[in-house]
Amino acid sequence: MNVSKESIWHFTCDHCMGFWSVATMDEWQPKDLYCTHCGKQNTNEWCSCGHKVIECDCKAGCKCGCRKQFLNA
């Protein structure tokens, strides 16, 4: 048997409020994306742990990766 799993990410454009989705594998983290409606660039400021990257309070050793440059994780 061959089994696979995917995650579906949903996005809303900061510029035109258009909505789109992307199906990916679990390891993918969205960074800079272009809106499928207006074509303008959008930047993801949220970590997989649910915090804004600049506000993340993760501890050293956390696997989310949002601040590993500061935590030596």
Protein backbone atom coordinates (compact mmCIF):
# COMPACT_ATOMS: atom_id res chain seq x y z
CA MET A 1 0.00 0.00 0.00
CA ASN A 2 1.24 3.51 -0.80
CA VAL A 3 0.11 6.22 1.63
CA SER A 4 0.69 9.96 1.53
CA LYS A 5 -0.48 12.93 3.58
CA GLU A 6 -0.84 16.60 2.73
CA SER A 7 -1.64 19.84 4.51
CA ILE A 8 -3.84 22.52 2.98
CA TRP A 9 -2.85 26.13 3.64
CA HIS A 10 -5.38 28.92 3.11
CA PHE A 11 -4.29 32.48 2.33
CA THR A 12 -5.96 35.89 2.06
CA CYS A 13 -4.13 38.59 0.10
CA ASP A 14 -3.17 41.69 2.10
CA HIS A 15 -3.77 43.84 -1.00
CA CYS A 16 -6.97 42.65 -2.75
CA MET A 17 -8.39 40.31 -0.04
CA GLY A 18 -8.51 37.48 -2.61
CA PHE A 19 -8.51 33.96 -1.16
CA TRP A 20 -6.53 30.92 -2.35
CA SER A 21 -5.23 27.59 -1.05
CA VAL A 22 -2.08 25.50 -1.48
CA ALA A 23 -1.83 21.78 -0.72
CA THR A 24 1.67 20.74 0.43
CA MET A 25 3.62 18.31 2.52
CA ASP A 26 3.92 18.94 6.29
CA GLU A 27 7.48 20.32 6.16
CA TRP A 28 6.65 23.30 3.89
CA GLN A 29 6.54 26.73 5.51
CA PRO A 30 5.11 29.59 3.42
CA LYS A 31 7.29 32.69 3.28
CA ASP A 32 6.84 35.03 0.30
CA LEU A 33 3.85 34.21 -1.90
CA TYR A 34 2.23 35.96 -4.84
CA CYS A 35 -1.52 36.40 -4.89
CA THR A 36 -3.25 34.28 -7.52
CA HIS A 37 -5.75 37.12 -8.10
CA CYS A 38 -3.81 40.41 -8.20
CA GLY A 39 -0.24 39.07 -8.48
CA LYS A 40 1.15 41.17 -5.62
CA GLN A 41 3.66 39.71 -3.18
CA ASN A 42 2.52 38.74 0.32
CA THR A 43 4.89 37.84 3.19
CA ASN A 44 3.99 35.33 5.88
CA GLU A 45 4.88 36.69 9.33
CA TRP A 46 3.53 33.71 11.29
CA CYS A 47 5.49 30.74 12.56
CA SER A 48 4.14 27.20 12.52
CA CYS A 49 3.89 27.44 16.33
CA GLY A 50 1.20 30.14 15.99
CA HIS A 51 3.22 33.18 17.04
CA LYS A 52 4.33 36.12 14.91
CA VAL A 53 8.00 35.45 14.16
CA ILE A 54 9.15 38.64 15.89
CA GLU A 55 7.02 37.93 18.99
CA CYS A 56 7.65 34.22 19.35
CA ASP A 57 8.33 33.10 22.92
CA CYS A 58 9.59 29.62 22.03
CA LYS A 59 12.25 28.14 24.27
CA ALA A 60 15.65 26.83 23.21
CA GLY A 61 15.30 23.43 21.58
CA CYS A 62 11.87 24.17 20.09
CA LYS A 63 11.45 22.47 16.72
CA CYS A 64 9.27 25.15 15.10
CA GLY A 65 12.35 27.01 13.82
CA CYS A 66 10.96 30.52 13.92
CA ARG A 67 13.77 31.96 16.05
CA LYS A 68 16.51 29.36 15.88
CA GLN A 69 19.00 32.00 14.77
CA PHE A 70 18.60 33.49 18.27
CA LEU A 71 18.07 30.30 20.30
CA ASN A 72 20.85 28.09 18.88
CA ALA A 73 18.23 25.39 18.30
